[in-house]
């Protein structure tokens, strides 16, 4: 492979899959990389560092000189679903596929358009970043493709609810927030108002500068459901700045209202999904030892 995977990725894989499973996949990574480079007929320039938390990103070139990014992810990251979503968007608001998903290398390696990975919306002032983010994510909200295999918001959040309850059982101090988040979810899933293809993990750092468009989305964890769910992670962006601000709580509530108004989303539903996703993220972070991240997400949730 020529380079070791970034430590950020190594740590994140251990948190997500357990150290043993992560080590097994990392041991296979040199062979997977060689296979993917050969299958896509590209040459390796270098590993993209610090990279992401779910996959190895390689800067590559095709034989004609076209730059690209080869993304190699464990099966648990469902790269085939990411490829299916990107194919459906076909470059509209999102990074483009340079090879169709059914042409991907073994283990789901995807060849993607190369963006400026070092420049995300987080490089902009907050107000401008939120404006650009809103304009970008609305392009992704389209009808899901026929015969798709994406899970729904109801299915994903049901799967996440069990670990949240377990976290509250381990630490009774979490019980009030967890109960509030689960109650909000229960109400929200009773009557979903719409069904769109969603990014699933949309936030400022997932929107990168590009050549054919100023800003394009990367790293979807696609699912189907209502737009309010997709905005809920964005509402918590730059939470560290909100925590450090004496007016953080009021700012957070204004942000939810502003996002709802700007994208014609029901404010109460956005608030509910923002609460659920903040508590889910916070309890998950605490469970793997990322105490600071977890406490910030939970403090944010408490403001709602």
C-alpha atoms as a PDB file:
ATOM      1  CA  UNK A   1       0.000   0.000   0.000  1.00  0.00           C
ATOM      2  CA  UNK A   2       2.913   2.354   0.601  1.00  0.00           C
ATOM      3  CA  UNK A   3       1.414   4.120   3.620  1.00  0.00           C
ATOM      4  CA  UNK A   4      -0.192   3.206   6.893  1.00  0.00           C
ATOM      5  CA  UNK A   5      -3.870   4.025   7.479  1.00  0.00           C
ATOM      6  CA  UNK A   6      -4.303   7.232   9.468  1.00  0.00           C
ATOM      7  CA  UNK A   7      -4.518   6.757  13.231  1.00  0.00           C
ATOM      8  CA  UNK A   8      -7.851   8.576  13.257  1.00  0.00           C
ATOM      9  CA  UNK A   9      -9.296   5.772  11.144  1.00  0.00           C
ATOM     10  CA  UNK A  10      -7.675   3.037  13.226  1.00  0.00           C
ATOM     11  CA  UNK A  11      -9.150   4.433  16.443  1.00  0.00           C
ATOM     12  CA  UNK A  12     -12.596   4.938  14.923  1.00  0.00           C
ATOM     13  CA  UNK A  13     -12.744   1.410  13.515  1.00  0.00           C
ATOM     14  CA  UNK A  14     -11.911   0.013  16.936  1.00  0.00           C
ATOM     15  CA  UNK A  15     -14.719   2.053  18.487  1.00  0.00           C
ATOM     16  CA  UNK A  16     -17.225   0.978  15.842  1.00  0.00           C
ATOM     17  CA  UNK A  17     -16.443  -2.701  15.318  1.00  0.00           C
ATOM     18  CA  UNK A  18     -14.319  -3.648  18.318  1.00  0.00           C
ATOM     19  CA  UNK A  19     -10.554  -3.914  18.382  1.00  0.00           C
ATOM     20  CA  UNK A  20     -10.379  -7.532  17.202  1.00  0.00           C
ATOM     21  CA  UNK A  21     -12.637  -7.064  14.173  1.00  0.00           C
ATOM     22  CA  UNK A  22     -10.939  -3.780  13.286  1.00  0.00           C
ATOM     23  CA  UNK A  23      -7.493  -5.396  13.496  1.00  0.00           C
ATOM     24  CA  UNK A  24      -8.627  -8.244  11.241  1.00  0.00           C
ATOM     25  CA  UNK A  25      -9.864  -5.847   8.553  1.00  0.00           C
ATOM     26  CA  UNK A  26      -6.782  -3.629   8.840  1.00  0.00           C
ATOM     27  CA  UNK A  27      -4.575  -6.681   8.359  1.00  0.00           C
ATOM     28  CA  UNK A  28      -6.388  -7.349   5.072  1.00  0.00           C
ATOM     29  CA  UNK A  29      -6.188  -3.715   3.975  1.00  0.00           C
ATOM     30  CA  UNK A  30      -2.923  -3.896   1.968  1.00  0.00           C
ATOM     31  CA  UNK A  31      -4.335  -6.734  -0.163  1.00  0.00           C
ATOM     32  CA  UNK A  32      -7.704  -4.973  -0.477  1.00  0.00           C
ATOM     33  CA  UNK A  33      -5.931  -1.825  -1.613  1.00  0.00           C
ATOM     34  CA  UNK A  34      -3.885  -3.637  -4.239  1.00  0.00           C
ATOM     35  CA  UNK A  35      -7.025  -5.348  -5.542  1.00  0.00           C
ATOM     36  CA  UNK A  36      -8.957  -2.071  -5.697  1.00  0.00           C
ATOM     37  CA  UNK A  37      -6.157  -0.193  -7.469  1.00  0.00           C
ATOM     38  CA  UNK A  38      -5.948  -2.964 -10.042  1.00  0.00           C
ATOM     39  CA  UNK A  39      -9.708  -3.310 -10.504  1.00  0.00           C
ATOM     40  CA  UNK A  40     -10.144   0.403 -11.140  1.00  0.00           C
ATOM     41  CA  UNK A  41      -6.924   0.708 -13.185  1.00  0.00           C
ATOM     42  CA  UNK A  42      -5.659   3.658 -11.154  1.00  0.00           C
ATOM     43  CA  UNK A  43      -2.272   4.588  -9.729  1.00  0.00           C
ATOM     44  CA  UNK A  44      -1.798   5.579  -6.106  1.00  0.00           C
ATOM     45  CA  UNK A  45      -0.570   9.060  -5.252  1.00  0.00           C
ATOM     46  CA  UNK A  46      -0.932   9.001  -1.474  1.00  0.00           C
ATOM     47  CA  UNK A  47      -3.196   8.255   1.440  1.00  0.00           C
ATOM     48  CA  UNK A  48      -5.539  11.108   2.331  1.00  0.00           C
ATOM     49  CA  UNK A  49      -4.791  12.181   5.907  1.00  0.00           C
ATOM     50  CA  UNK A  50      -6.196  12.710   8.446  1.00  0.00           C
ATOM     51  CA  UNK A  51      -9.021  11.271   6.352  1.00  0.00           C
ATOM     52  CA  UNK A  52     -12.342  10.063   7.638  1.00  0.00           C
ATOM     53  CA  UNK A  53     -13.528   7.817  10.442  1.00  0.00           C
ATOM     54  CA  UNK A  54     -15.208   5.109   8.341  1.00  0.00           C
ATOM     55  CA  UNK A  55     -12.941   4.280   5.388  1.00  0.00           C
ATOM     56  CA  UNK A  56      -9.469   4.546   3.916  1.00  0.00           C
ATOM     57  CA  UNK A  57      -9.286   7.332   1.324  1.00  0.00           C
ATOM     58  CA  UNK A  58      -6.614   7.141  -1.370  1.00  0.00           C
ATOM     59  CA  UNK A  59      -5.782   9.912  -3.795  1.00  0.00           C
ATOM     60  CA  UNK A  60      -5.370   8.224  -7.178  1.00  0.00           C
ATOM     61  CA  UNK A  61      -5.158   8.930 -10.910  1.00  0.00           C
ATOM     62  CA  UNK A  62      -6.627   7.136 -13.865  1.00  0.00           C
ATOM     63  CA  UNK A  63      -4.514   6.302 -16.883  1.00  0.00           C
ATOM     64  CA  UNK A  64      -5.795   9.420 -18.698  1.00  0.00           C
ATOM     65  CA  UNK A  65      -4.624  11.618 -15.811  1.00  0.00           C
ATOM     66  CA  UNK A  66      -8.059  12.151 -14.254  1.00  0.00           C
ATOM     67  CA  UNK A  67      -7.668  12.590 -10.492  1.00  0.00           C
ATOM     68  CA  UNK A  68      -9.899  10.599  -8.192  1.00  0.00           C
ATOM     69  CA  UNK A  69     -10.374   9.228  -4.720  1.00  0.00           C
ATOM     70  CA  UNK A  70     -10.546   5.515  -4.022  1.00  0.00           C
ATOM     71  CA  UNK A  71     -12.626   4.820  -0.930  1.00  0.00           C
ATOM     72  CA  UNK A  72     -12.153   1.446   0.759  1.00  0.00           C
ATOM     73  CA  UNK A  73     -14.531   0.725   3.635  1.00  0.00           C
ATOM     74  CA  UNK A  74     -15.322  -2.303   5.802  1.00  0.00           C
ATOM     75  CA  UNK A  75     -18.503  -4.178   4.861  1.00  0.00           C
ATOM     76  CA  UNK A  76     -20.171  -2.832   8.017  1.00  0.00           C
ATOM     77  CA  UNK A  77     -20.050   0.658   6.525  1.00  0.00           C
ATOM     78  CA  UNK A  78     -22.339  -0.532   3.703  1.00  0.00           C
ATOM     79  CA  UNK A  79     -20.314   0.953   0.815  1.00  0.00           C
ATOM     80  CA  UNK A  80     -22.741  -0.569  -1.664  1.00  0.00           C
ATOM     81  CA  UNK A  81     -25.523   1.627  -0.269  1.00  0.00           C
ATOM     82  CA  UNK A  82     -23.332   4.703  -0.427  1.00  0.00           C
ATOM     83  CA  UNK A  83     -22.584   3.883  -4.050  1.00  0.00           C
ATOM     84  CA  UNK A  84     -26.259   3.388  -4.822  1.00  0.00           C
ATOM     85  CA  UNK A  85     -27.155   6.775  -3.331  1.00  0.00           C
ATOM     86  CA  UNK A  86     -24.349   8.563  -5.172  1.00  0.00           C
ATOM     87  CA  UNK A  87     -25.392   6.902  -8.420  1.00  0.00           C
ATOM     88  CA  UNK A  88     -28.972   8.070  -7.907  1.00  0.00           C
ATOM     89  CA  UNK A  89     -27.902  11.651  -7.193  1.00  0.00           C
ATOM     90  CA  UNK A  90     -25.614  11.450 -10.246  1.00  0.00           C
ATOM     91  CA  UNK A  91     -23.458  14.358  -9.113  1.00  0.00           C
ATOM     92  CA  UNK A  92     -26.411  16.632  -8.240  1.00  0.00           C
ATOM     93  CA  UNK A  93     -25.263  18.190  -4.980  1.00  0.00           C
ATOM     94  CA  UNK A  94     -22.983  15.252  -4.219  1.00  0.00           C
ATOM     95  CA  UNK A  95     -19.566  13.922  -5.151  1.00  0.00           C
ATOM     96  CA  UNK A  96     -19.667  12.027  -8.424  1.00  0.00           C
ATOM     97  CA  UNK A  97     -18.904   8.374  -9.022  1.00  0.00           C
ATOM     98  CA  UNK A  98     -16.138   7.760 -11.544  1.00  0.00           C
ATOM     99  CA  UNK A  99     -17.137   4.101 -11.615  1.00  0.00           C
ATOM    100  CA  UNK A 100     -20.628   2.717 -11.212  1.00  0.00           C
ATOM    101  CA  UNK A 101     -21.316   0.742  -8.011  1.00  0.00           C
ATOM    102  CA  UNK A 102     -21.629  -2.540  -9.908  1.00  0.00           C
ATOM    103  CA  UNK A 103     -18.124  -1.964 -11.274  1.00  0.00           C
ATOM    104  CA  UNK A 104     -16.650  -1.476  -7.784  1.00  0.00           C
ATOM    105  CA  UNK A 105     -13.682  -3.490  -6.683  1.00  0.00           C
ATOM    106  CA  UNK A 106     -14.065  -6.366  -4.216  1.00  0.00           C
ATOM    107  CA  UNK A 107     -15.280  -5.358  -0.752  1.00  0.00           C
ATOM    108  CA  UNK A 108     -17.069  -2.323  -2.113  1.00  0.00           C
ATOM    109  CA  UNK A 109     -14.245   0.047  -3.017  1.00  0.00           C
ATOM    110  CA  UNK A 110     -15.658   3.134  -4.722  1.00  0.00           C
ATOM    111  CA  UNK A 111     -13.874   5.400  -7.183  1.00  0.00           C
ATOM    112  CA  UNK A 112     -15.007   8.959  -6.604  1.00  0.00           C
ATOM    113  CA  UNK A 113     -14.528  12.405  -8.053  1.00  0.00           C
ATOM    114  CA  UNK A 114     -11.707  14.228  -6.302  1.00  0.00           C
ATOM    115  CA  UNK A 115     -12.729  17.270  -4.303  1.00  0.00           C
ATOM    116  CA  UNK A 116     -10.665  19.641  -2.179  1.00  0.00           C
ATOM    117  CA  UNK A 117     -10.706  17.451   0.924  1.00  0.00           C
ATOM    118  CA  UNK A 118      -8.935  20.086   3.006  1.00  0.00           C
ATOM    119  CA  UNK A 119     -11.690  22.709   2.440  1.00  0.00           C
ATOM    120  CA  UNK A 120     -15.106  22.056   4.000  1.00  0.00           C
ATOM    121  CA  UNK A 121     -17.924  24.353   5.038  1.00  0.00           C
ATOM    122  CA  UNK A 122     -16.325  24.490   8.478  1.00  0.00           C
ATOM    123  CA  UNK A 123     -13.757  26.827   6.930  1.00  0.00           C
ATOM    124  CA  UNK A 124     -16.477  29.478   6.514  1.00  0.00           C
ATOM    125  CA  UNK A 125     -17.996  31.763   9.170  1.00  0.00           C
ATOM    126  CA  UNK A 126     -20.883  30.002  10.857  1.00  0.00           C
ATOM    127  CA  UNK A 127     -23.726  32.014   9.316  1.00  0.00           C
ATOM    128  CA  UNK A 128     -22.344  31.587   5.797  1.00  0.00           C
ATOM    129  CA  UNK A 129     -21.650  27.889   6.392  1.00  0.00           C
ATOM    130  CA  UNK A 130     -25.223  27.214   7.489  1.00  0.00           C
ATOM    131  CA  UNK A 131     -26.585  29.083   4.467  1.00  0.00           C
ATOM    132  CA  UNK A 132     -24.434  27.065   2.064  1.00  0.00           C
ATOM    133  CA  UNK A 133     -25.259  23.832   3.888  1.00  0.00           C
ATOM    134  CA  UNK A 134     -28.994  24.447   3.551  1.00  0.00           C
ATOM    135  CA  UNK A 135     -28.646  25.162  -0.155  1.00  0.00           C
ATOM    136  CA  UNK A 136     -26.608  22.013  -0.674  1.00  0.00           C
ATOM    137  CA  UNK A 137     -28.659  19.495   1.290  1.00  0.00           C
ATOM    138  CA  UNK A 138     -31.942  20.485  -0.369  1.00  0.00           C
ATOM    139  CA  UNK A 139     -30.538  19.149  -3.676  1.00  0.00           C
ATOM    140  CA  UNK A 140     -30.200  15.676  -2.190  1.00  0.00           C
ATOM    141  CA  UNK A 141     -33.832  15.358  -1.153  1.00  0.00           C
ATOM    142  CA  UNK A 142     -35.261  13.446  -4.082  1.00  0.00           C
ATOM    143  CA  UNK A 143     -37.553  10.477  -4.499  1.00  0.00           C
ATOM    144  CA  UNK A 144     -35.732   7.235  -3.632  1.00  0.00           C
ATOM    145  CA  UNK A 145     -34.879   4.937  -6.538  1.00  0.00           C
ATOM    146  CA  UNK A 146     -37.249   2.103  -7.341  1.00  0.00           C
ATOM    147  CA  UNK A 147     -36.360  -1.196  -5.699  1.00  0.00           C
ATOM    148  CA  UNK A 148     -33.845   0.369  -3.325  1.00  0.00           C
ATOM    149  CA  UNK A 149     -32.378  -1.343  -0.258  1.00  0.00           C
ATOM    150  CA  UNK A 150     -32.037   1.708   2.003  1.00  0.00           C
ATOM    151  CA  UNK A 151     -33.380   1.421   5.534  1.00  0.00           C
ATOM    152  CA  UNK A 152     -35.929   3.908   6.784  1.00  0.00           C
ATOM    153  CA  UNK A 153     -35.550   6.498   9.527  1.00  0.00           C
ATOM    154  CA  UNK A 154     -37.908   4.378  11.635  1.00  0.00           C
ATOM    155  CA  UNK A 155     -35.725   1.292  11.180  1.00  0.00           C
ATOM    156  CA  UNK A 156     -32.429   3.033  11.868  1.00  0.00           C
ATOM    157  CA  UNK A 157     -33.635   4.842  14.960  1.00  0.00           C
ATOM    158  CA  UNK A 158     -35.262   1.662  16.314  1.00  0.00           C
ATOM    159  CA  UNK A 159     -31.880  -0.035  16.044  1.00  0.00           C
ATOM    160  CA  UNK A 160     -30.239   2.855  17.878  1.00  0.00           C
ATOM    161  CA  UNK A 161     -32.789   2.923  20.683  1.00  0.00           C
ATOM    162  CA  UNK A 162     -31.572  -0.271  22.365  1.00  0.00           C
ATOM    163  CA  UNK A 163     -28.042   1.007  23.101  1.00  0.00           C
ATOM    164  CA  UNK A 164     -29.541   4.279  24.347  1.00  0.00           C
ATOM    165  CA  UNK A 165     -31.685   2.406  26.879  1.00  0.00           C
ATOM    166  CA  UNK A 166     -28.666   0.339  27.921  1.00  0.00           C
ATOM    167  CA  UNK A 167     -26.663   3.524  28.504  1.00  0.00           C
ATOM    168  CA  UNK A 168     -29.398   4.865  30.785  1.00  0.00           C
ATOM    169  CA  UNK A 169     -29.433   1.590  32.724  1.00  0.00           C
ATOM    170  CA  UNK A 170     -25.665   1.829  33.262  1.00  0.00           C
ATOM    171  CA  UNK A 171     -25.858   5.476  34.305  1.00  0.00           C
ATOM    172  CA  UNK A 172     -29.188   6.570  35.834  1.00  0.00           C
ATOM    173  CA  UNK A 173     -28.153  10.223  35.431  1.00  0.00           C
ATOM    174  CA  UNK A 174     -28.736   9.771  31.695  1.00  0.00           C
ATOM    175  CA  UNK A 175     -32.253   8.417  32.146  1.00  0.00           C
ATOM    176  CA  UNK A 176     -34.215  11.709  31.885  1.00  0.00           C
ATOM    177  CA  UNK A 177     -32.578  12.742  28.609  1.00  0.00           C
ATOM    178  CA  UNK A 178     -32.758   9.236  27.134  1.00  0.00           C
ATOM    179  CA  UNK A 179     -36.429   8.927  28.071  1.00  0.00           C
ATOM    180  CA  UNK A 180     -37.195  12.319  26.521  1.00  0.00           C
ATOM    181  CA  UNK A 181     -35.353  11.397  23.319  1.00  0.00           C
ATOM    182  CA  UNK A 182     -37.085   8.035  23.009  1.00  0.00           C
ATOM    183  CA  UNK A 183     -40.472   9.600  23.671  1.00  0.00           C
ATOM    184  CA  UNK A 184     -39.818  12.180  20.963  1.00  0.00           C
ATOM    185  CA  UNK A 185     -38.853   9.423  18.535  1.00  0.00           C
ATOM    186  CA  UNK A 186     -41.951   7.382  19.362  1.00  0.00           C
ATOM    187  CA  UNK A 187     -44.170  10.335  18.526  1.00  0.00           C
ATOM    188  CA  UNK A 188     -42.256  11.255  15.368  1.00  0.00           C
ATOM    189  CA  UNK A 189     -42.368   7.801  13.774  1.00  0.00           C
ATOM    190  CA  UNK A 190     -46.134   7.471  14.192  1.00  0.00           C
ATOM    191  CA  UNK A 191     -46.937   9.586  11.132  1.00  0.00           C
ATOM    192  CA  UNK A 192     -43.924  10.373   8.919  1.00  0.00           C
ATOM    193  CA  UNK A 193     -44.969  13.311   6.715  1.00  0.00           C
ATOM    194  CA  UNK A 194     -42.800  12.517   3.688  1.00  0.00           C
ATOM    195  CA  UNK A 195     -40.368  10.055   2.156  1.00  0.00           C
ATOM    196  CA  UNK A 196     -37.154  11.321   0.571  1.00  0.00           C
ATOM    197  CA  UNK A 197     -33.701   9.900  -0.003  1.00  0.00           C
ATOM    198  CA  UNK A 198     -31.595  11.354   2.817  1.00  0.00           C
ATOM    199  CA  UNK A 199     -27.860  11.792   3.351  1.00  0.00           C
ATOM    200  CA  UNK A 200     -28.088  10.326   6.838  1.00  0.00           C
ATOM    201  CA  UNK A 201     -25.034  12.034   8.365  1.00  0.00           C
ATOM    202  CA  UNK A 202     -25.221  15.546   6.952  1.00  0.00           C
ATOM    203  CA  UNK A 203     -23.112  18.232   8.601  1.00  0.00           C
ATOM    204  CA  UNK A 204     -20.712  20.990   7.575  1.00  0.00           C
ATOM    205  CA  UNK A 205     -17.628  18.759   7.448  1.00  0.00           C
ATOM    206  CA  UNK A 206     -19.394  16.530   4.901  1.00  0.00           C
ATOM    207  CA  UNK A 207     -19.606  19.385   2.365  1.00  0.00           C
ATOM    208  CA  UNK A 208     -16.356  19.921   0.455  1.00  0.00           C
ATOM    209  CA  UNK A 209     -15.167  22.416  -2.103  1.00  0.00           C
ATOM    210  CA  UNK A 210     -15.215  21.159  -5.690  1.00  0.00           C
ATOM    211  CA  UNK A 211     -14.293  22.165  -9.223  1.00  0.00           C
ATOM    212  CA  UNK A 212     -17.582  21.610 -11.090  1.00  0.00           C
ATOM    213  CA  UNK A 213     -19.626  23.048  -8.198  1.00  0.00           C
ATOM    214  CA  UNK A 214     -18.622  25.245  -5.276  1.00  0.00           C
ATOM    215  CA  UNK A 215     -19.791  22.715  -2.666  1.00  0.00           C
ATOM    216  CA  UNK A 216     -20.526  19.001  -2.921  1.00  0.00           C
ATOM    217  CA  UNK A 217     -21.562  16.440  -0.319  1.00  0.00           C
ATOM    218  CA  UNK A 218     -19.503  13.373   0.597  1.00  0.00           C
ATOM    219  CA  UNK A 219     -19.855  10.424   2.941  1.00  0.00           C
ATOM    220  CA  UNK A 220     -23.583   9.636   2.899  1.00  0.00           C
ATOM    221  CA  UNK A 221     -25.039   7.009   5.197  1.00  0.00           C
ATOM    222  CA  UNK A 222     -28.216   6.917   3.116  1.00  0.00           C
ATOM    223  CA  UNK A 223     -31.697   6.112   4.318  1.00  0.00           C
ATOM    224  CA  UNK A 224     -35.215   7.209   3.496  1.00  0.00           C
ATOM    225  CA  UNK A 225     -37.562   9.393   5.477  1.00  0.00           C
ATOM    226  CA  UNK A 226     -38.352  12.978   6.363  1.00  0.00           C
ATOM    227  CA  UNK A 227     -36.104  15.969   5.797  1.00  0.00           C
ATOM    228  CA  UNK A 228     -36.204  17.008   9.456  1.00  0.00           C
ATOM    229  CA  UNK A 229     -34.140  13.933  10.340  1.00  0.00           C
ATOM    230  CA  UNK A 230     -31.444  14.955   7.868  1.00  0.00           C
ATOM    231  CA  UNK A 231     -31.233  18.474   9.308  1.00  0.00           C
ATOM    232  CA  UNK A 232     -30.964  17.281  12.902  1.00  0.00           C
ATOM    233  CA  UNK A 233     -27.221  16.621  12.813  1.00  0.00           C
ATOM    234  CA  UNK A 234     -26.561  19.944  11.090  1.00  0.00           C
ATOM    235  CA  UNK A 235     -28.406  21.736  13.891  1.00  0.00           C
ATOM    236  CA  UNK A 236     -25.759  20.464  16.328  1.00  0.00           C
ATOM    237  CA  UNK A 237     -22.777  21.539  14.217  1.00  0.00           C
ATOM    238  CA  UNK A 238     -19.908  23.371  15.923  1.00  0.00           C
ATOM    239  CA  UNK A 239     -21.341  22.329  19.265  1.00  0.00           C
ATOM    240  CA  UNK A 240     -18.018  23.097  20.926  1.00  0.00           C
ATOM    241  CA  UNK A 241     -18.461  26.766  20.014  1.00  0.00           C
ATOM    242  CA  UNK A 242     -22.016  26.766  21.338  1.00  0.00           C
ATOM    243  CA  UNK A 243     -20.901  25.208  24.623  1.00  0.00           C
ATOM    244  CA  UNK A 244     -18.198  27.847  25.015  1.00  0.00           C
ATOM    245  CA  UNK A 245     -20.639  30.687  24.395  1.00  0.00           C
ATOM    246  CA  UNK A 246     -22.613  32.196  27.295  1.00  0.00           C
ATOM    247  CA  UNK A 247     -25.649  32.357  25.014  1.00  0.00           C
ATOM    248  CA  UNK A 248     -25.227  28.876  23.598  1.00  0.00           C
ATOM    249  CA  UNK A 249     -28.622  27.551  24.621  1.00  0.00           C
ATOM    250  CA  UNK A 250     -30.527  30.435  23.045  1.00  0.00           C
ATOM    251  CA  UNK A 251     -28.347  30.265  19.935  1.00  0.00           C
ATOM    252  CA  UNK A 252     -29.062  26.551  19.560  1.00  0.00           C
ATOM    253  CA  UNK A 253     -32.816  27.086  19.740  1.00  0.00           C
ATOM    254  CA  UNK A 254     -32.630  29.957  17.246  1.00  0.00           C
ATOM    255  CA  UNK A 255     -30.624  27.746  14.898  1.00  0.00           C
ATOM    256  CA  UNK A 256     -33.309  25.061  14.932  1.00  0.00           C
ATOM    257  CA  UNK A 257     -35.949  27.667  14.132  1.00  0.00           C
ATOM    258  CA  UNK A 258     -33.849  29.251  11.377  1.00  0.00           C
ATOM    259  CA  UNK A 259     -33.122  25.924   9.698  1.00  0.00           C
ATOM    260  CA  UNK A 260     -36.765  24.891   9.876  1.00  0.00           C
ATOM    261  CA  UNK A 261     -37.943  28.182   8.397  1.00  0.00           C
ATOM    262  CA  UNK A 262     -35.308  28.296   5.637  1.00  0.00           C
ATOM    263  CA  UNK A 263     -36.094  24.790   4.393  1.00  0.00           C
ATOM    264  CA  UNK A 264     -39.834  24.710   5.083  1.00  0.00           C
ATOM    265  CA  UNK A 265     -39.545  21.955   7.682  1.00  0.00           C
ATOM    266  CA  UNK A 266     -41.827  21.661  10.710  1.00  0.00           C
ATOM    267  CA  UNK A 267     -39.946  23.233  13.626  1.00  0.00           C
ATOM    268  CA  UNK A 268     -41.320  20.877  16.265  1.00  0.00           C
ATOM    269  CA  UNK A 269     -40.321  17.815  14.243  1.00  0.00           C
ATOM    270  CA  UNK A 270     -36.837  19.210  13.666  1.00  0.00           C
ATOM    271  CA  UNK A 271     -36.483  19.907  17.374  1.00  0.00           C
ATOM    272  CA  UNK A 272     -37.606  16.339  18.191  1.00  0.00           C
ATOM    273  CA  UNK A 273     -35.164  14.693  15.794  1.00  0.00           C
ATOM    274  CA  UNK A 274     -32.379  17.016  16.909  1.00  0.00           C
ATOM    275  CA  UNK A 275     -33.003  15.949  20.507  1.00  0.00           C
ATOM    276  CA  UNK A 276     -33.031  12.261  19.598  1.00  0.00           C
ATOM    277  CA  UNK A 277     -29.886  12.428  17.484  1.00  0.00           C
ATOM    278  CA  UNK A 278     -27.979  14.486  20.054  1.00  0.00           C
ATOM    279  CA  UNK A 279     -28.784  12.017  22.839  1.00  0.00           C
ATOM    280  CA  UNK A 280     -28.013   9.023  20.615  1.00  0.00           C
ATOM    281  CA  UNK A 281     -24.671  10.527  19.608  1.00  0.00           C
ATOM    282  CA  UNK A 282     -23.846  11.508  23.184  1.00  0.00           C
ATOM    283  CA  UNK A 283     -24.586   8.115  24.724  1.00  0.00           C
ATOM    284  CA  UNK A 284     -22.700   6.353  21.929  1.00  0.00           C
ATOM    285  CA  UNK A 285     -19.646   8.569  22.444  1.00  0.00           C
ATOM    286  CA  UNK A 286     -19.672   7.926  26.199  1.00  0.00           C
ATOM    287  CA  UNK A 287     -19.892   4.164  25.612  1.00  0.00           C
ATOM    288  CA  UNK A 288     -16.583   4.151  23.709  1.00  0.00           C
ATOM    289  CA  UNK A 289     -14.744   6.515  26.019  1.00  0.00           C
ATOM    290  CA  UNK A 290     -15.093   9.779  24.069  1.00  0.00           C
ATOM    291  CA  UNK A 291     -16.234  11.543  27.203  1.00  0.00           C
ATOM    292  CA  UNK A 292     -15.838  15.139  26.058  1.00  0.00           C
ATOM    293  CA  UNK A 293     -17.744  14.568  22.809  1.00  0.00           C
ATOM    294  CA  UNK A 294     -20.481  12.736  24.650  1.00  0.00           C
ATOM    295  CA  UNK A 295     -20.917  15.356  27.331  1.00  0.00           C
ATOM    296  CA  UNK A 296     -21.093  18.181  24.778  1.00  0.00           C
ATOM    297  CA  UNK A 297     -23.804  16.399  22.771  1.00  0.00           C
ATOM    298  CA  UNK A 298     -25.808  15.722  25.902  1.00  0.00           C
ATOM    299  CA  UNK A 299     -25.484  19.297  27.144  1.00  0.00           C
ATOM    300  CA  UNK A 300     -26.750  20.462  23.758  1.00  0.00           C
ATOM    301  CA  UNK A 301     -29.667  18.028  24.032  1.00  0.00           C
ATOM    302  CA  UNK A 302     -30.536  19.436  27.427  1.00  0.00           C
ATOM    303  CA  UNK A 303     -30.995  22.886  25.894  1.00  0.00           C
ATOM    304  CA  UNK A 304     -33.776  21.584  23.655  1.00  0.00           C
END
